[in-house]
């Protein structure tokens, strides 16, 4: 009977101290308004999980959803402008 053994070099990465590249950090910076808006939406939804929602909670969630949609729209518009070279 043969034993199946994984080769250590193929299982683990060569270096675990990999830092993000400058391009990856720039991408995160561009997406940060969307990330913040999604966190706000999640916070608003979490606040309403275990209690009946009132008018203020409903507004808070609706406004947070609108912020997420606006941030997505802005991010998409910026990405389209960058890819097309800025010409309309």
PDB file of N, CA and C in Angstrom:
ATOM      1  N   UNK A   1       0.833  -1.173   0.000  1.00  0.00           N
ATOM      2  CA  UNK A   1       0.000   0.000   0.000  1.00  0.00           C
ATOM      3  C   UNK A   1       0.885   1.245   0.000  1.00  0.00           C
ATOM      4  N   UNK A   2       0.549   2.200  -0.858  1.00  0.00           N
ATOM      5  CA  UNK A   2       1.315   3.440  -0.936  1.00  0.00           C
ATOM      6  C   UNK A   2       0.741   4.468   0.029  1.00  0.00           C
ATOM      7  N   UNK A   3       1.595   5.274   0.598  1.00  0.00           N
ATOM      8  CA  UNK A   3       1.126   6.373   1.447  1.00  0.00           C
ATOM      9  C   UNK A   3       1.083   7.648   0.605  1.00  0.00           C
ATOM     10  N   UNK A   4       0.117   8.448   0.872  1.00  0.00           N
ATOM     11  CA  UNK A   4      -0.017   9.712   0.149  1.00  0.00           C
ATOM     12  C   UNK A   4       0.455  10.819   1.081  1.00  0.00           C
ATOM     13  N   UNK A   5       1.468  11.512   0.656  1.00  0.00           N
ATOM     14  CA  UNK A   5       2.044  12.579   1.460  1.00  0.00           C
ATOM     15  C   UNK A   5       2.180  13.819   0.594  1.00  0.00           C
ATOM     16  N   UNK A   6       1.722  14.934   1.102  1.00  0.00           N
ATOM     17  CA  UNK A   6       1.858  16.195   0.368  1.00  0.00           C
ATOM     18  C   UNK A   6       3.271  16.713   0.515  1.00  0.00           C
ATOM     19  N   UNK A   7       3.767  17.283  -0.542  1.00  0.00           N
ATOM     20  CA  UNK A   7       5.091  17.892  -0.488  1.00  0.00           C
ATOM     21  C   UNK A   7       4.990  19.223   0.244  1.00  0.00           C
ATOM     22  N   UNK A   8       5.846  19.435   1.186  1.00  0.00           N
ATOM     23  CA  UNK A   8       5.777  20.632   2.025  1.00  0.00           C
ATOM     24  C   UNK A   8       5.914  21.907   1.199  1.00  0.00           C
ATOM     25  N   UNK A   9       6.765  21.907   0.207  1.00  0.00           N
ATOM     26  CA  UNK A   9       6.980  23.121  -0.575  1.00  0.00           C
ATOM     27  C   UNK A   9       5.724  23.517  -1.345  1.00  0.00           C
ATOM     28  N   UNK A  10       4.923  22.558  -1.735  1.00  0.00           N
ATOM     29  CA  UNK A  10       3.714  22.874  -2.487  1.00  0.00           C
ATOM     30  C   UNK A  10       2.551  23.281  -1.592  1.00  0.00           C
ATOM     31  N   UNK A  11       2.573  22.885  -0.337  1.00  0.00           N
ATOM     32  CA  UNK A  11       1.460  23.162   0.566  1.00  0.00           C
ATOM     33  C   UNK A  11       1.572  24.548   1.176  1.00  0.00           C
ATOM     34  N   UNK A  12       2.752  24.922   1.588  1.00  0.00           N
ATOM     35  CA  UNK A  12       2.935  26.220   2.239  1.00  0.00           C
ATOM     36  C   UNK A  12       3.602  27.196   1.288  1.00  0.00           C
ATOM     37  N   UNK A  13       3.319  28.446   1.487  1.00  0.00           N
ATOM     38  CA  UNK A  13       3.924  29.485   0.659  1.00  0.00           C
ATOM     39  C   UNK A  13       5.397  29.609   1.011  1.00  0.00           C
ATOM     40  N   UNK A  14       6.164  30.112   0.099  1.00  0.00           N
ATOM     41  CA  UNK A  14       7.601  30.262   0.320  1.00  0.00           C
ATOM     42  C   UNK A  14       7.868  31.263   1.439  1.00  0.00           C
ATOM     43  N   UNK A  15       7.104  32.340   1.463  1.00  0.00           N
ATOM     44  CA  UNK A  15       7.303  33.350   2.492  1.00  0.00           C
ATOM     45  C   UNK A  15       5.934  33.808   2.990  1.00  0.00           C
ATOM     46  N   UNK A  16       5.733  33.770   4.278  1.00  0.00           N
ATOM     47  CA  UNK A  16       4.460  34.198   4.851  1.00  0.00           C
ATOM     48  C   UNK A  16       4.456  35.679   5.195  1.00  0.00           C
ATOM     49  N   UNK A  17       5.574  36.348   4.986  1.00  0.00           N
ATOM     50  CA  UNK A  17       5.676  37.778   5.283  1.00  0.00           C
ATOM     51  C   UNK A  17       5.427  38.607   4.028  1.00  0.00           C
ATOM     52  N   UNK A  18       4.383  38.266   3.286  1.00  0.00           N
ATOM     53  CA  UNK A  18       4.081  38.968   2.050  1.00  0.00           C
ATOM     54  C   UNK A  18       3.283  40.222   2.382  1.00  0.00           C
ATOM     55  N   UNK A  19       3.764  41.352   1.942  1.00  0.00           N
ATOM     56  CA  UNK A  19       3.092  42.627   2.155  1.00  0.00           C
ATOM     57  C   UNK A  19       2.311  42.989   0.894  1.00  0.00           C
ATOM     58  N   UNK A  20       1.224  43.742   1.035  1.00  0.00           N
ATOM     59  CA  UNK A  20       0.487  44.170  -0.161  1.00  0.00           C
ATOM     60  C   UNK A  20       1.330  45.125  -1.000  1.00  0.00           C
ATOM     61  N   UNK A  21       1.124  45.054  -2.287  1.00  0.00           N
ATOM     62  CA  UNK A  21       1.857  45.938  -3.190  1.00  0.00           C
ATOM     63  C   UNK A  21       1.248  47.336  -3.141  1.00  0.00           C
ATOM     64  N   UNK A  22       1.952  48.273  -3.730  1.00  0.00           N
ATOM     65  CA  UNK A  22       1.448  49.644  -3.777  1.00  0.00           C
ATOM     66  C   UNK A  22       0.141  49.711  -4.565  1.00  0.00           C
ATOM     67  N   UNK A  23       0.028  48.927  -5.616  1.00  0.00           N
ATOM     68  CA  UNK A  23      -1.204  48.919  -6.414  1.00  0.00           C
ATOM     69  C   UNK A  23      -2.370  48.368  -5.605  1.00  0.00           C
ATOM     70  N   UNK A  24      -2.127  47.328  -4.810  1.00  0.00           N
ATOM     71  CA  UNK A  24      -3.185  46.775  -3.973  1.00  0.00           C
ATOM     72  C   UNK A  24      -3.624  47.778  -2.906  1.00  0.00           C
ATOM     73  N   UNK A  25      -2.681  48.481  -2.316  1.00  0.00           N
ATOM     74  CA  UNK A  25      -3.021  49.501  -1.320  1.00  0.00           C
ATOM     75  C   UNK A  25      -3.802  50.643  -1.947  1.00  0.00           C
ATOM     76  N   UNK A  26      -3.442  51.031  -3.170  1.00  0.00           N
ATOM     77  CA  UNK A  26      -4.192  52.072  -3.872  1.00  0.00           C
ATOM     78  C   UNK A  26      -5.612  51.623  -4.162  1.00  0.00           C
ATOM     79  N   UNK A  27      -5.779  50.363  -4.531  1.00  0.00           N
ATOM     80  CA  UNK A  27      -7.122  49.833  -4.793  1.00  0.00           C
ATOM     81  C   UNK A  27      -7.964  49.844  -3.523  1.00  0.00           C
ATOM     82  N   UNK A  28      -7.362  49.503  -2.404  1.00  0.00           N
ATOM     83  CA  UNK A  28      -8.079  49.536  -1.127  1.00  0.00           C
ATOM     84  C   UNK A  28      -8.475  50.967  -0.789  1.00  0.00           C
ATOM     85  N   UNK A  29      -7.572  51.911  -1.011  1.00  0.00           N
ATOM     86  CA  UNK A  29      -7.886  53.319  -0.747  1.00  0.00           C
ATOM     87  C   UNK A  29      -9.043  53.803  -1.614  1.00  0.00           C
ATOM     88  N   UNK A  30      -9.076  53.380  -2.880  1.00  0.00           N
ATOM     89  CA  UNK A  30     -10.169  53.788  -3.764  1.00  0.00           C
ATOM     90  C   UNK A  30     -11.501  53.196  -3.309  1.00  0.00           C
ATOM     91  N   UNK A  31     -11.471  51.985  -2.753  1.00  0.00           N
ATOM     92  CA  UNK A  31     -12.688  51.306  -2.327  1.00  0.00           C
ATOM     93  C   UNK A  31     -13.108  51.642  -0.895  1.00  0.00           C
ATOM     94  N   UNK A  32     -12.310  52.408  -0.170  1.00  0.00           N
ATOM     95  CA  UNK A  32     -12.586  52.677   1.238  1.00  0.00           C
ATOM     96  C   UNK A  32     -13.937  53.357   1.491  1.00  0.00           C
ATOM     97  N   UNK A  33     -14.391  54.317   0.675  1.00  0.00           N
ATOM     98  CA  UNK A  33     -15.731  54.877   0.924  1.00  0.00           C
ATOM     99  C   UNK A  33     -16.827  53.817   0.839  1.00  0.00           C
ATOM    100  N   UNK A  34     -16.716  52.891  -0.089  1.00  0.00           N
ATOM    101  CA  UNK A  34     -17.697  51.807  -0.197  1.00  0.00           C
ATOM    102  C   UNK A  34     -17.613  50.886   1.013  1.00  0.00           C
ATOM    103  N   UNK A  35     -16.415  50.581   1.450  1.00  0.00           N
ATOM    104  CA  UNK A  35     -16.235  49.710   2.617  1.00  0.00           C
ATOM    105  C   UNK A  35     -16.862  50.351   3.851  1.00  0.00           C
ATOM    106  N   UNK A  36     -16.625  51.638   4.037  1.00  0.00           N
ATOM    107  CA  UNK A  36     -17.204  52.341   5.193  1.00  0.00           C
ATOM    108  C   UNK A  36     -18.728  52.358   5.122  1.00  0.00           C
ATOM    109  N   UNK A  37     -19.269  52.593   3.935  1.00  0.00           N
ATOM    110  CA  UNK A  37     -20.726  52.613   3.772  1.00  0.00           C
ATOM    111  C   UNK A  37     -21.317  51.238   4.055  1.00  0.00           C
ATOM    112  N   UNK A  38     -20.651  50.173   3.611  1.00  0.00           N
ATOM    113  CA  UNK A  38     -21.150  48.825   3.880  1.00  0.00           C
ATOM    114  C   UNK A  38     -21.095  48.494   5.364  1.00  0.00           C
ATOM    115  N   UNK A  39     -20.066  48.981   6.059  1.00  0.00           N
ATOM    116  CA  UNK A  39     -19.973  48.755   7.505  1.00  0.00           C
ATOM    117  C   UNK A  39     -21.092  49.499   8.227  1.00  0.00           C
ATOM    118  N   UNK A  40     -21.385  50.731   7.792  1.00  0.00           N
ATOM    119  CA  UNK A  40     -22.494  51.477   8.389  1.00  0.00           C
ATOM    120  C   UNK A  40     -23.823  50.757   8.185  1.00  0.00           C
ATOM    121  N   UNK A  41     -24.034  50.209   6.990  1.00  0.00           N
ATOM    122  CA  UNK A  41     -25.258  49.463   6.715  1.00  0.00           C
ATOM    123  C   UNK A  41     -25.331  48.231   7.608  1.00  0.00           C
ATOM    124  N   UNK A  42     -24.247  47.532   7.736  1.00  0.00           N
ATOM    125  CA  UNK A  42     -24.223  46.349   8.590  1.00  0.00           C
ATOM    126  C   UNK A  42     -24.508  46.718  10.044  1.00  0.00           C
ATOM    127  N   UNK A  43     -23.935  47.816  10.517  1.00  0.00           N
ATOM    128  CA  UNK A  43     -24.204  48.270  11.883  1.00  0.00           C
ATOM    129  C   UNK A  43     -25.683  48.595  12.078  1.00  0.00           C
ATOM    130  N   UNK A  44     -26.266  49.269  11.101  1.00  0.00           N
ATOM    131  CA  UNK A  44     -27.686  49.617  11.205  1.00  0.00           C
ATOM    132  C   UNK A  44     -28.557  48.368  11.202  1.00  0.00           C
ATOM    133  N   UNK A  45     -28.202  47.388  10.397  1.00  0.00           N
ATOM    134  CA  UNK A  45     -28.975  46.150  10.354  1.00  0.00           C
ATOM    135  C   UNK A  45     -28.809  45.350  11.645  1.00  0.00           C
ATOM    136  N   UNK A  46     -27.614  45.330  12.197  1.00  0.00           N
ATOM    137  CA  UNK A  46     -27.372  44.597  13.443  1.00  0.00           C
ATOM    138  C   UNK A  46     -28.180  45.207  14.583  1.00  0.00           C
ATOM    139  N   UNK A  47     -28.291  46.527  14.593  1.00  0.00           N
ATOM    140  CA  UNK A  47     -29.035  47.181  15.668  1.00  0.00           C
ATOM    141  C   UNK A  47     -30.507  46.787  15.665  1.00  0.00           C
ATOM    142  N   UNK A  48     -31.029  46.388  14.525  1.00  0.00           N
ATOM    143  CA  UNK A  48     -32.454  46.073  14.430  1.00  0.00           C
ATOM    144  C   UNK A  48     -32.747  44.578  14.458  1.00  0.00           C
ATOM    145  N   UNK A  49     -31.759  43.758  14.712  1.00  0.00           N
ATOM    146  CA  UNK A  49     -31.962  42.303  14.663  1.00  0.00           C
ATOM    147  C   UNK A  49     -32.892  41.815  15.765  1.00  0.00           C
ATOM    148  N   UNK A  50     -32.646  42.216  16.988  1.00  0.00           N
ATOM    149  CA  UNK A  50     -33.352  41.595  18.116  1.00  0.00           C
ATOM    150  C   UNK A  50     -34.422  42.483  18.755  1.00  0.00           C
ATOM    151  N   UNK A  51     -34.890  43.447  18.000  1.00  0.00           N
ATOM    152  CA  UNK A  51     -35.967  44.280  18.533  1.00  0.00           C
ATOM    153  C   UNK A  51     -36.859  44.722  17.381  1.00  0.00           C
ATOM    154  N   UNK A  52     -38.080  45.105  17.710  1.00  0.00           N
ATOM    155  CA  UNK A  52     -38.956  45.609  16.645  1.00  0.00           C
ATOM    156  C   UNK A  52     -38.421  46.940  16.120  1.00  0.00           C
ATOM    157  N   UNK A  53     -38.489  47.105  14.824  1.00  0.00           N
ATOM    158  CA  UNK A  53     -37.957  48.340  14.243  1.00  0.00           C
ATOM    159  C   UNK A  53     -38.955  49.473  14.407  1.00  0.00           C
ATOM    160  N   UNK A  54     -38.431  50.632  14.697  1.00  0.00           N
ATOM    161  CA  UNK A  54     -39.260  51.828  14.767  1.00  0.00           C
ATOM    162  C   UNK A  54     -38.941  52.696  13.546  1.00  0.00           C
ATOM    163  N   UNK A  55     -39.539  53.837  13.472  1.00  0.00           N
ATOM    164  CA  UNK A  55     -39.366  54.705  12.303  1.00  0.00           C
ATOM    165  C   UNK A  55     -37.918  55.167  12.159  1.00  0.00           C
ATOM    166  N   UNK A  56     -37.278  55.467  13.273  1.00  0.00           N
ATOM    167  CA  UNK A  56     -35.890  55.918  13.230  1.00  0.00           C
ATOM    168  C   UNK A  56     -34.970  54.814  12.695  1.00  0.00           C
ATOM    169  N   UNK A  57     -35.168  53.574  13.137  1.00  0.00           N
ATOM    170  CA  UNK A  57     -34.365  52.455  12.639  1.00  0.00           C
ATOM    171  C   UNK A  57     -34.570  52.240  11.147  1.00  0.00           C
ATOM    172  N   UNK A  58     -35.806  52.351  10.716  1.00  0.00           N
ATOM    173  CA  UNK A  58     -36.108  52.177   9.298  1.00  0.00           C
ATOM    174  C   UNK A  58     -35.409  53.237   8.454  1.00  0.00           C
ATOM    175  N   UNK A  59     -35.422  54.468   8.927  1.00  0.00           N
ATOM    176  CA  UNK A  59     -34.717  55.546   8.219  1.00  0.00           C
ATOM    177  C   UNK A  59     -33.215  55.304   8.199  1.00  0.00           C
ATOM    178  N   UNK A  60     -32.682  54.875   9.340  1.00  0.00           N
ATOM    179  CA  UNK A  60     -31.244  54.643   9.443  1.00  0.00           C
ATOM    180  C   UNK A  60     -30.798  53.580   8.435  1.00  0.00           C
ATOM    181  N   UNK A  61     -31.536  52.492   8.336  1.00  0.00           N
ATOM    182  CA  UNK A  61     -31.179  51.425   7.402  1.00  0.00           C
ATOM    183  C   UNK A  61     -31.334  51.915   5.957  1.00  0.00           C
ATOM    184  N   UNK A  62     -32.423  52.633   5.682  1.00  0.00           N
ATOM    185  CA  UNK A  62     -32.655  53.134   4.324  1.00  0.00           C
ATOM    186  C   UNK A  62     -31.544  54.102   3.905  1.00  0.00           C
ATOM    187  N   UNK A  63     -31.145  54.992   4.793  1.00  0.00           N
ATOM    188  CA  UNK A  63     -30.076  55.945   4.464  1.00  0.00           C
ATOM    189  C   UNK A  63     -28.735  55.237   4.282  1.00  0.00           C
ATOM    190  N   UNK A  64     -28.499  54.226   5.092  1.00  0.00           N
ATOM    191  CA  UNK A  64     -27.258  53.463   4.941  1.00  0.00           C
ATOM    192  C   UNK A  64     -27.241  52.732   3.599  1.00  0.00           C
ATOM    193  N   UNK A  65     -28.378  52.170   3.203  1.00  0.00           N
ATOM    194  CA  UNK A  65     -28.464  51.516   1.878  1.00  0.00           C
ATOM    195  C   UNK A  65     -28.208  52.513   0.763  1.00  0.00           C
ATOM    196  N   UNK A  66     -28.769  53.698   0.900  1.00  0.00           N
ATOM    197  CA  UNK A  66     -28.553  54.733  -0.116  1.00  0.00           C
ATOM    198  C   UNK A  66     -27.087  55.140  -0.194  1.00  0.00           C
ATOM    199  N   UNK A  67     -26.403  55.207   0.963  1.00  0.00           N
ATOM    200  CA  UNK A  67     -24.971  55.528   0.960  1.00  0.00           C
ATOM    201  C   UNK A  67     -24.167  54.442   0.259  1.00  0.00           C
ATOM    202  N   UNK A  68     -24.535  53.182   0.480  1.00  0.00           N
ATOM    203  CA  UNK A  68     -23.841  52.079  -0.193  1.00  0.00           C
ATOM    204  C   UNK A  68     -24.039  52.184  -1.697  1.00  0.00           C
ATOM    205  N   UNK A  69     -25.276  52.425  -2.125  1.00  0.00           N
ATOM    206  CA  UNK A  69     -25.541  52.539  -3.561  1.00  0.00           C
ATOM    207  C   UNK A  69     -24.780  53.717  -4.174  1.00  0.00           C
ATOM    208  N   UNK A  70     -24.734  54.840  -3.467  1.00  0.00           N
ATOM    209  CA  UNK A  70     -24.008  56.005  -3.977  1.00  0.00           C
ATOM    210  C   UNK A  70     -22.511  55.721  -4.050  1.00  0.00           C
ATOM    211  N   UNK A  71     -21.972  55.050  -3.045  1.00  0.00           N
ATOM    212  CA  UNK A  71     -20.548  54.725  -3.055  1.00  0.00           C
ATOM    213  C   UNK A  71     -20.222  53.748  -4.185  1.00  0.00           C
ATOM    214  N   UNK A  72     -21.098  52.769  -4.411  1.00  0.00           N
ATOM    215  CA  UNK A  72     -20.886  51.838  -5.529  1.00  0.00           C
ATOM    216  C   UNK A  72     -20.936  52.572  -6.864  1.00  0.00           C
ATOM    217  N   UNK A  73     -21.905  53.466  -7.002  1.00  0.00           N
ATOM    218  CA  UNK A  73     -22.017  54.242  -8.237  1.00  0.00           C
ATOM    219  C   UNK A  73     -20.762  55.064  -8.473  1.00  0.00           C
ATOM    220  N   UNK A  74     -20.285  55.766  -7.436  1.00  0.00           N
ATOM    221  CA  UNK A  74     -19.097  56.592  -7.576  1.00  0.00           C
ATOM    222  C   UNK A  74     -17.864  55.755  -7.918  1.00  0.00           C
ATOM    223  N   UNK A  75     -17.730  54.607  -7.263  1.00  0.00           N
ATOM    224  CA  UNK A  75     -16.590  53.735  -7.533  1.00  0.00           C
ATOM    225  C   UNK A  75     -16.639  53.209  -8.964  1.00  0.00           C
ATOM    226  N   UNK A  76     -17.816  52.834  -9.422  1.00  0.00           N
ATOM    227  CA  UNK A  76     -17.968  52.331 -10.789  1.00  0.00           C
ATOM    228  C   UNK A  76     -17.684  53.425 -11.805  1.00  0.00           C
ATOM    229  N   UNK A  77     -18.169  54.615 -11.540  1.00  0.00           N
ATOM    230  CA  UNK A  77     -17.919  55.725 -12.463  1.00  0.00           C
ATOM    231  C   UNK A  77     -16.439  56.064 -12.533  1.00  0.00           C
ATOM    232  N   UNK A  78     -15.754  56.043 -11.400  1.00  0.00           N
ATOM    233  CA  UNK A  78     -14.317  56.318 -11.400  1.00  0.00           C
ATOM    234  C   UNK A  78     -13.550  55.223 -12.126  1.00  0.00           C
ATOM    235  N   UNK A  79     -13.953  53.977 -11.950  1.00  0.00           N
ATOM    236  CA  UNK A  79     -13.274  52.866 -12.612  1.00  0.00           C
ATOM    237  C   UNK A  79     -13.478  52.964 -14.123  1.00  0.00           C
ATOM    238  N   UNK A  80     -14.656  53.335 -14.562  1.00  0.00           N
ATOM    239  CA  UNK A  80     -14.921  53.489 -15.987  1.00  0.00           C
ATOM    240  C   UNK A  80     -14.123  54.620 -16.605  1.00  0.00           C
ATOM    241  N   UNK A  81     -13.943  55.689 -15.852  1.00  0.00           N
ATOM    242  CA  UNK A  81     -13.171  56.832 -16.341  1.00  0.00           C
ATOM    243  C   UNK A  81     -11.705  56.473 -16.451  1.00  0.00           C
ATOM    244  N   UNK A  82     -11.173  55.742 -15.495  1.00  0.00           N
ATOM    245  CA  UNK A  82      -9.762  55.366 -15.502  1.00  0.00           C
ATOM    246  C   UNK A  82      -9.482  54.404 -16.646  1.00  0.00           C
ATOM    247  N   UNK A  83     -10.369  53.436 -16.879  1.00  0.00           N
ATOM    248  CA  UNK A  83     -10.136  52.440 -17.914  1.00  0.00           C
ATOM    249  C   UNK A  83     -10.257  53.037 -19.305  1.00  0.00           C
ATOM    250  N   UNK A  84     -11.147  53.992 -19.500  1.00  0.00           N
ATOM    251  CA  UNK A  84     -11.330  54.546 -20.829  1.00  0.00           C
ATOM    252  C   UNK A  84     -10.351  55.685 -21.113  1.00  0.00           C
ATOM    253  N   UNK A  85      -9.486  55.974 -20.174  1.00  0.00           N
ATOM    254  CA  UNK A  85      -8.493  57.017 -20.396  1.00  0.00           C
ATOM    255  C   UNK A  85      -9.017  58.406 -20.118  1.00  0.00           C
ATOM    256  N   UNK A  86     -10.192  58.539 -19.568  1.00  0.00           N
ATOM    257  CA  UNK A  86     -10.728  59.824 -19.191  1.00  0.00           C
ATOM    258  C   UNK A  86     -11.511  60.505 -20.298  1.00  0.00           C
ATOM    259  N   UNK A  87     -11.481  59.965 -21.496  1.00  0.00           N
ATOM    260  CA  UNK A  87     -12.214  60.588 -22.606  1.00  0.00           C
ATOM    261  C   UNK A  87     -13.662  60.108 -22.589  1.00  0.00           C
ATOM    262  N   UNK A  88     -14.562  61.040 -22.781  1.00  0.00           N
ATOM    263  CA  UNK A  88     -15.985  60.670 -22.773  1.00  0.00           C
ATOM    264  C   UNK A  88     -16.510  60.489 -24.172  1.00  0.00           C
TER     265      UNK A  88
END
